[in-house]
Protein backbone atom coordinates (compact mmCIF):
# COMPACT_ATOMS: atom_id res chain seq x y z
CA MET A 1 7.81 -17.70 -16.64
CA GLN A 2 6.78 -13.94 -16.70
CA GLN A 3 5.80 -13.37 -13.24
CA MET A 4 2.00 -11.48 -12.82
CA VAL A 5 2.17 -8.55 -10.89
CA ARG A 6 -0.71 -6.55 -11.79
CA THR A 7 -4.56 -6.86 -11.33
CA CYS A 8 -8.06 -5.24 -11.87
CA LYS A 9 -9.06 -1.93 -11.53
CA LEU A 10 -11.78 -3.27 -9.38
CA PHE A 11 -8.91 -4.45 -6.74
CA GLY A 12 -7.36 -1.16 -6.28
CA VAL A 13 -10.83 0.27 -5.74
CA VAL A 14 -11.66 -1.90 -3.38
CA ARG A 15 -8.44 -2.18 -1.17
CA ALA A 16 -8.38 1.33 -1.16
CA ALA A 17 -12.50 1.92 -0.06
CA SER A 18 -12.20 -1.27 2.45
CA ALA A 19 -9.17 0.10 4.83
CA ILE A 20 -12.02 3.28 5.84
CA HIS A 21 -13.07 1.85 9.26
CA ASN A 22 -16.55 1.54 9.70
CA SER A 23 -17.05 1.48 6.12
CA ALA A 24 -18.52 -1.10 3.19
CA ILE A 25 -18.55 -1.46 -0.51
CA VAL A 26 -21.25 -2.70 -2.57
CA ILE A 27 -19.83 -4.20 -5.98
CA HIS A 28 -21.93 -4.10 -8.97
CA GLY A 29 -21.15 -7.46 -10.23
CA PRO A 30 -21.53 -11.37 -10.30
CA LEU A 31 -20.57 -13.53 -7.68
CA GLY A 32 -17.06 -14.49 -8.60
CA CYS A 33 -15.70 -10.48 -8.47
CA GLY A 34 -16.91 -10.29 -4.64
CA TYR A 35 -16.15 -13.99 -3.67
CA HIS A 36 -12.21 -13.81 -5.60
CA LEU A 37 -11.86 -10.30 -3.95
CA ASN A 38 -13.19 -11.06 -0.71
CA TYR A 39 -10.60 -14.66 -0.67
CA ILE A 40 -7.41 -12.28 -1.78
CA LEU A 41 -8.13 -9.58 0.91
CA GLY A 42 -8.68 -12.12 3.35
CA MET A 43 -5.12 -13.86 2.81
CA ARG A 44 -3.23 -10.27 2.90
CA GLY A 45 -4.71 -9.81 6.20
CA GLY A 46 -8.24 -8.75 6.78
CA SER A 47 -11.88 -9.26 5.32
CA PRO A 48 -13.82 -6.44 4.29
CA PRO A 49 -17.89 -5.78 4.36
CA ILE A 50 -18.18 -6.63 0.85
CA PHE A 51 -21.87 -6.73 -0.58
CA LEU A 52 -22.58 -7.76 -4.35
CA SER A 53 -25.83 -7.35 -6.32
CA GLU A 54 -24.92 -10.53 -7.70
CA LEU A 55 -25.66 -10.30 -11.37
CA ASP A 56 -26.63 -13.19 -13.90
CA GLN A 57 -26.87 -14.30 -17.58
CA SER A 58 -29.99 -12.47 -17.45
CA ASP A 59 -29.25 -9.30 -15.71
CA VAL A 60 -26.16 -8.58 -18.34
CA VAL A 61 -29.12 -8.67 -21.07
CA PHE A 62 -31.50 -7.20 -19.43
CA GLY A 63 -30.12 -4.67 -17.11
CA GLY A 64 -29.44 -5.23 -12.89
CA GLU A 65 -30.40 -1.72 -11.64
CA GLU A 66 -32.98 -3.03 -9.42
CA LYS A 67 -30.82 -5.53 -7.99
CA LEU A 68 -27.64 -3.01 -7.31
CA ARG A 69 -31.03 -0.82 -5.66
CA ARG A 70 -32.04 -3.21 -3.08
CA ILE A 71 -28.70 -4.35 -2.34
CA ILE A 72 -27.80 -0.52 -1.68
CA GLU A 73 -30.41 0.03 0.87
CA ARG A 74 -30.23 -3.10 2.73
CA VAL A 75 -27.01 -1.37 3.43
CA LEU A 76 -27.87 2.19 4.33
CA ARG A 77 -30.37 0.61 7.35
CA GLU A 78 -26.53 -0.98 8.22
CA GLY A 79 -25.18 2.16 9.81
CA TYR A 80 -22.15 1.98 8.05
CA ASP A 81 -20.61 6.06 8.08
CA LEU A 82 -19.44 5.33 4.14
CA ILE A 83 -20.55 3.29 1.26
CA THR A 84 -18.71 3.25 -1.71
CA VAL A 85 -20.36 1.50 -4.67
CA VAL A 86 -18.60 0.21 -7.59
CA ASP A 87 -19.28 -1.23 -10.74
CA SER A 88 -17.81 -4.33 -12.33
CA CYS A 89 -16.38 -5.47 -16.27
CA ALA A 90 -20.29 -6.48 -16.96
CA PRO A 91 -22.14 -3.34 -16.08
CA ALA A 92 -19.41 -1.16 -17.28
CA LEU A 93 -19.52 -2.62 -20.97
CA ILE A 94 -23.53 -2.84 -20.84
CA GLY A 95 -23.31 0.75 -19.92
CA GLU A 96 -25.32 0.63 -16.51
CA ASP A 97 -25.21 4.58 -15.62
CA VAL A 98 -24.43 3.33 -11.96
CA GLN A 99 -23.06 6.64 -11.12
CA ALA A 100 -26.68 8.52 -11.78
CA LEU A 101 -28.12 5.60 -9.69
CA VAL A 102 -25.98 6.02 -6.39
CA ASN A 103 -26.37 10.45 -7.26
CA GLY A 104 -30.35 9.50 -6.99
CA TYR A 105 -30.26 8.40 -3.15
CA ASP A 106 -28.79 12.54 -2.42
CA ASP A 107 -26.89 10.30 0.83
CA PRO A 108 -23.88 11.71 1.43
CA ARG A 109 -23.06 8.31 3.36
CA LEU A 110 -22.74 7.08 -0.84
CA ILE A 111 -19.76 7.63 -3.14
CA TYR A 112 -19.57 5.82 -6.65
CA VAL A 113 -16.39 4.61 -7.90
CA PRO A 114 -15.76 3.46 -11.38
CA GLY A 115 -14.36 -0.18 -11.24
CA GLY A 116 -14.44 -1.93 -14.71
CA GLY A 117 -11.93 -4.18 -14.68
CA PHE A 118 -10.84 -3.71 -18.42
CA GLU A 119 -10.71 0.01 -17.67
CA GLY A 120 -7.49 -0.23 -15.98
CA ASP A 121 -5.09 -1.81 -12.86
CA HIS A 122 -4.99 -1.53 -9.67
CA PHE A 123 -3.12 1.71 -9.22
CA ASP A 124 -5.80 3.44 -11.31
CA GLY A 125 -8.56 1.71 -8.75
CA TYR A 126 -6.75 2.94 -6.25
CA LEU A 127 -6.57 7.12 -8.02
CA GLU A 128 -9.93 6.87 -8.76
CA THR A 129 -10.96 6.11 -4.76
CA ILE A 130 -8.97 9.20 -3.48
CA ARG A 131 -10.03 11.44 -6.73
CA SER A 132 -13.70 10.26 -5.33
CA LEU A 133 -12.82 10.64 -1.56
CA SER A 134 -10.97 14.19 -2.29
CA LYS A 135 -13.97 15.97 -2.72
CA LEU A 136 -15.10 14.93 0.89
CA VAL A 137 -12.38 17.00 2.41
CA SER A 138 -13.07 19.82 4.29
CA PRO A 139 -10.72 23.09 2.70
CA SER A 140 -8.52 24.73 5.74
CA ASP A 141 -6.83 28.14 6.01
CA ILE A 142 -3.45 27.72 5.87
CA GLU A 143 -2.24 28.97 9.26
CA GLU A 144 -4.94 26.80 11.12
CA ARG A 145 -2.38 23.94 9.22
CA ASP A 146 -0.06 21.51 11.62
CA GLY A 147 0.39 17.67 11.42
CA LEU A 148 0.69 15.52 8.31
CA ASN A 149 -1.33 13.04 6.59
CA ILE A 150 -0.11 9.55 5.44
CA ILE A 151 -0.97 8.73 1.91
CA GLY A 152 -0.99 5.06 -0.16
CA GLU A 153 -0.17 3.33 3.16
CA PHE A 154 -1.77 -0.31 2.68
CA ARG A 155 -0.31 -1.96 5.49
CA GLY A 156 -2.26 -1.83 8.92
CA GLY A 157 -1.26 -4.42 11.99
CA LYS A 158 1.84 -3.49 13.88
CA ASP A 159 3.53 -1.63 11.19
CA LEU A 160 1.06 1.29 11.35
CA LYS A 161 1.18 1.48 14.84
CA ILE A 162 5.13 1.53 14.90
CA VAL A 163 4.83 4.43 12.15
CA LYS A 164 2.67 6.44 14.13
CA GLU A 165 4.97 5.75 17.44
CA MET A 166 8.06 6.82 15.77
CA ILE A 167 5.89 10.07 14.35
CA GLY A 168 4.66 10.78 17.24
CA SER A 169 8.50 10.41 18.93
CA CYS A 170 8.82 13.66 16.84
CA GLY A 171 6.18 15.62 17.89
CA VAL A 172 3.96 15.83 14.94
CA ASN A 173 0.55 15.04 14.53
CA ILE A 174 -0.88 12.67 12.42
CA ARG A 175 -4.33 13.82 11.18
CA SER A 176 -5.26 10.77 9.03
CA VAL A 177 -4.05 7.94 7.17
CA TRP A 178 -5.28 7.31 3.72
CA THR A 179 -7.23 5.17 3.66
CA ARG A 180 -6.68 3.50 7.11
CA SER A 181 -8.80 6.59 9.21
CA THR A 182 -12.15 7.02 9.70
CA ILE A 183 -14.15 9.24 7.13
CA GLN A 184 -14.68 11.97 9.76
CA GLU A 185 -10.78 12.27 10.01
CA MET A 186 -10.26 11.76 6.12
CA LYS A 187 -12.81 14.93 5.72
CA ALA A 188 -10.58 16.79 8.26
CA SER A 189 -7.22 15.75 6.39
CA GLY A 190 -7.36 19.45 4.73
CA SER A 191 -5.94 21.06 7.75
CA ALA A 192 -2.75 19.28 7.82
CA LEU A 193 0.81 20.87 6.71
CA LEU A 194 2.29 17.78 4.89
CA ASN A 195 1.41 14.38 3.19
CA ILE A 196 3.88 12.21 2.70
CA PRO A 197 3.52 9.05 0.17
CA PHE A 198 3.99 6.07 0.96
CA CYS A 199 3.89 4.08 -2.27
CA GLU A 200 5.86 5.20 -5.06
CA ALA A 201 3.38 3.74 -7.46
CA ILE A 202 0.39 5.34 -6.03
CA GLY A 203 1.02 7.42 -3.05
CA HIS A 204 2.80 10.08 -5.48
CA ASP A 205 -0.28 10.71 -7.91
CA ALA A 206 -2.60 10.63 -5.13
CA CYS A 207 -0.28 13.30 -3.47
CA LYS A 208 -0.38 15.44 -6.29
CA LEU A 209 -3.61 15.40 -6.68
CA LEU A 210 -4.54 16.03 -3.24
CA ARG A 211 -1.91 18.85 -3.60
CA ASP A 212 -3.84 20.28 -6.89
CA GLU A 213 -7.09 19.58 -5.19
CA HIS A 214 -6.30 21.41 -1.30
CA GLY A 215 -3.14 22.97 -1.73
CA THR A 216 -1.33 20.75 0.59
CA PRO A 217 2.21 19.70 -0.29
CA PHE A 218 4.02 17.14 0.07
CA THR A 219 7.76 15.14 0.15
CA ASP A 220 8.92 12.39 -0.61
CA VAL A 221 10.23 9.72 2.72
CA SER A 222 12.34 6.38 2.57
CA THR A 223 9.72 3.60 3.87
CA PRO A 224 11.01 2.85 7.15
CA ILE A 225 12.93 0.01 6.59
CA GLY A 226 15.80 -1.10 8.31
CA ILE A 227 18.72 1.19 9.85
CA SER A 228 19.58 3.98 7.06
CA GLY A 229 15.46 3.52 5.45
CA THR A 230 14.01 4.80 8.99
CA ILE A 231 16.44 7.25 10.03
CA ASP A 232 16.21 8.72 7.00
CA PHE A 233 12.48 8.30 6.95
CA LEU A 234 12.49 10.23 10.45
CA GLU A 235 14.80 12.86 9.59
CA THR A 236 12.79 13.76 6.78
CA ILE A 237 9.65 14.68 8.75
CA ALA A 238 11.53 16.22 12.12
CA ASP A 239 13.22 18.42 9.40
CA PHE A 240 10.15 19.81 7.79
CA PHE A 241 8.56 20.34 11.33
CA ASP A 242 11.96 22.19 12.26
CA ARG A 243 12.11 19.24 15.30
CA ASP A 244 14.83 16.94 17.06
CA LEU A 245 15.23 13.10 16.88
CA PRO A 246 15.59 11.58 20.09
CA ASP A 247 18.22 10.59 20.99
CA GLU A 248 17.46 6.91 21.79
CA THR A 249 16.21 6.64 18.15
CA TYR A 250 19.90 6.93 17.08
CA SER A 251 21.21 4.53 19.82
CA GLU A 252 19.14 2.25 18.79
CA PHE A 253 19.83 1.60 15.33
CA LYS A 254 23.78 1.98 16.04
CA ARG A 255 23.22 -1.26 18.13
CA LEU A 256 21.51 -2.65 15.47
CA GLU A 257 24.20 -1.78 12.65
CA ASN A 258 27.26 -3.11 15.23
CA GLU A 259 25.13 -6.21 16.10
CA PHE A 260 23.90 -7.27 12.83
CA GLY A 261 25.71 -5.58 9.96
CA ASN A 262 27.32 -7.83 7.67
CA ILE A 263 26.13 -10.87 9.72
CA PHE A 264 25.01 -12.26 5.81
CA ILE A 265 27.94 -11.54 4.38
CA ASP A 266 28.27 -13.74 0.47
CA ARG A 267 24.57 -14.78 0.90
CA LYS A 268 22.35 -13.89 -2.60
CA ILE A 269 19.23 -12.88 -2.67
CA ALA A 270 16.39 -12.49 -5.81
CA LEU A 271 14.05 -9.43 -4.44
CA PHE A 272 9.98 -9.11 -5.05
CA GLY A 273 8.03 -6.18 -4.58
CA GLY A 274 6.41 -2.95 -4.92
CA PRO A 275 9.55 0.40 -5.75
CA THR A 276 9.31 1.86 -2.56
CA ARG A 277 9.25 -0.90 -0.35
CA VAL A 278 12.12 -2.92 -2.33
CA ILE A 279 14.10 0.03 -2.31
CA SER A 280 14.58 0.12 1.23
CA PHE A 281 14.91 -3.70 1.63
CA LEU A 282 17.46 -3.33 -1.09
CA ARG A 283 19.23 -0.56 1.47
CA PHE A 284 18.53 -2.88 4.49
CA PHE A 285 19.83 -6.34 2.81
CA SER A 286 22.96 -4.60 1.54
CA GLU A 287 23.64 -3.31 5.49
CA LEU A 288 23.33 -6.80 6.31
CA GLY A 289 25.73 -8.05 3.89
CA PHE A 290 23.17 -10.13 1.38
CA GLU A 291 24.28 -9.39 -2.39
CA THR A 292 21.14 -8.97 -4.20
CA LYS A 293 20.94 -10.53 -7.47
CA TYR A 294 17.79 -9.91 -8.71
CA ILE A 295 15.17 -7.29 -8.46
CA SER A 296 11.26 -8.17 -9.65
CA LEU A 297 9.68 -4.97 -9.86
CA ASP A 298 5.35 -4.66 -9.83
CA ASN A 299 5.88 -0.99 -11.23
CA GLU A 300 8.76 1.29 -12.89
CA SER A 301 9.33 4.30 -13.33
CA LYS A 302 11.94 6.73 -14.11
CA ASN A 303 12.39 7.49 -10.28
CA THR A 304 12.46 4.50 -8.99
CA LEU A 305 15.30 3.39 -11.26
CA LYS A 306 17.27 6.50 -10.48
CA LYS A 307 17.11 5.51 -6.88
CA ILE A 308 18.16 1.79 -7.16
CA SER A 309 20.94 3.39 -9.27
CA LEU A 310 21.99 5.92 -6.28
CA ILE A 311 21.88 2.48 -3.88
CA LYS A 312 24.22 1.03 -6.69
CA ARG A 313 26.35 3.12 -6.01
CA GLU A 314 26.66 3.54 -2.28
CA PHE A 315 26.81 -0.05 -1.50
CA GLY A 316 29.01 -1.51 -4.93
CA ILE A 317 26.16 -4.11 -5.73
CA SER A 318 24.25 -4.35 -9.12
CA PRO A 319 21.23 -6.25 -9.01
CA GLU A 320 19.61 -7.25 -12.44
CA ILE A 321 15.99 -6.10 -12.59
CA ILE A 322 14.18 -9.01 -14.06
CA GLY A 323 10.37 -9.64 -15.82
CA GLU A 324 11.42 -13.72 -15.84
CA THR A 325 11.70 -16.07 -13.27
CA SER A 326 13.62 -18.49 -15.32
CA GLN A 327 16.73 -15.70 -15.23
CA ILE A 328 17.03 -16.61 -11.91
CA GLU A 329 19.69 -18.67 -10.73
CA ASP A 330 22.26 -19.40 -8.38
CA ILE A 331 20.81 -18.10 -4.91
CA ASP A 332 20.34 -18.45 -1.01
CA LEU A 333 16.85 -16.94 -0.42
CA ILE A 334 13.55 -15.39 -2.00
CA VAL A 335 12.08 -12.01 -0.61
CA GLY A 336 9.01 -11.08 -1.10
CA GLY A 337 5.21 -12.10 -0.43
CA LEU A 338 2.72 -14.84 -1.56
CA SER A 339 3.19 -14.67 -4.93
CA GLU A 340 6.60 -15.89 -4.80
CA GLN A 341 5.54 -19.03 -2.93
CA GLY A 342 5.52 -21.32 -6.44
CA ILE A 343 8.88 -19.63 -7.25
CA ALA A 344 10.52 -20.42 -3.89
CA TYR A 345 8.69 -24.04 -4.38
CA ASN A 346 10.44 -24.06 -7.37
CA LEU A 347 13.82 -23.15 -7.09
CA LYS A 348 14.05 -25.15 -3.75
CA ARG A 349 14.78 -21.56 -2.34
CA PRO A 350 13.44 -20.92 1.38
CA LEU A 351 10.94 -17.06 1.01
CA LEU A 352 11.05 -14.85 3.66
CA ASP A 353 7.26 -13.16 3.45
CA VAL A 354 7.83 -9.14 4.12
CA MET A 355 4.98 -7.93 2.10
CA HIS A 356 1.81 -8.38 3.81
CA SER A 357 0.24 -6.71 6.78
CA HIS A 358 0.40 -9.03 9.31
CA GLU A 359 4.36 -8.83 9.21
CA THR A 360 6.32 -6.37 11.09
CA THR A 361 8.87 -4.49 8.70
CA PHE A 362 9.11 -1.31 10.48
CA GLY A 363 11.60 0.38 12.73
CA VAL A 364 13.43 -1.51 14.95
CA GLU A 365 11.17 -3.59 15.78
CA GLY A 366 10.75 -4.65 12.31
CA ALA A 367 14.48 -4.73 11.82
CA GLU A 368 15.01 -7.32 14.60
CA LYS A 369 12.00 -9.36 13.59
CA ILE A 370 13.38 -9.66 9.82
CA ILE A 371 16.68 -10.29 11.21
CA GLU A 372 15.32 -12.80 13.30
CA ARG A 373 13.37 -14.68 10.56
CA LEU A 374 16.62 -14.61 7.90
CA ARG A 375 18.99 -15.99 10.57
CA ASN A 376 16.31 -18.84 10.86
CA LEU A 377 15.37 -19.61 7.59
CA LEU A 378 19.45 -19.85 6.38
CA SER A 379 20.66 -21.49 9.75
CA ILE A 380 22.81 -18.56 11.08
CA LYS A 381 23.24 -18.73 14.90
């Protein structure tokens, strides 16, 4: 059975825009688009305020702009700082000019992002949203800049709090988190000295866009998962800003390495997820002694494969990159997210969900929590 790892452009737009504080989304589309997005995002840790024009069969034939106009005017009265208007497949197919309708209001709180599902996947939708938001950023002289922006960060909750604390411990200011910030913070993000991408599939392209439009450089960072992943992440940032890491940072990870290194020796796993997190988890699980037998990626690039090759040489492992779950055999554990529940059930193997925002995975605290859950799942004292 092949694993479905991508969804439509509309999902990417909604996922990106919904994280902005005090913002709302207006979807020009039928009931199903709003319901399913709300349901999926609710399972992932938070349901955003989504309003729907509720197109029906008649609207698809004769046009539904009047319904969209009514819902926009209702939402404008609600006091949101940003309202993202996005179309779905039906209005995109019949050629309704949603952008012209939005521009007609001449209201700075309104932005339009195209979201016809057939026009691309969720990566395209996320980047379209970044492109629209980047037009709101105020320019800044390079001499006045400081701090950094985090780009392409989907995880909120405890992980985001941990990242902010770790960067703060290096004496570096965070200007904004795209897109988990206020719209005011995002408008002022042009005053940052550096952008760091948190998602290889989306964050790099978004950083390139922001570099080209606002002149902010970016640098690649490891996702701060596990021992070497977190240290690499912090050292990359500290080196750029000419800072020193606190001594306790190294001592805490040395303690983890001494206490838990190789405790899962000879255990075999299949690892599912996006390339950035999979790469960091691959290193972390290797540090713990696991043999990663299979990797299933939701997006591949030359850069991803190069990094995986480096980790193979670093740890002497050779996981097989798969597209078909029927290839999996002889494993003790599946590591992934909600999408892998069915695979775990079919294979009668435990699932470690590490891909969603309610889980703590970053830094020392995340490493300790993952190890604790692994010991429980595999009955290791």
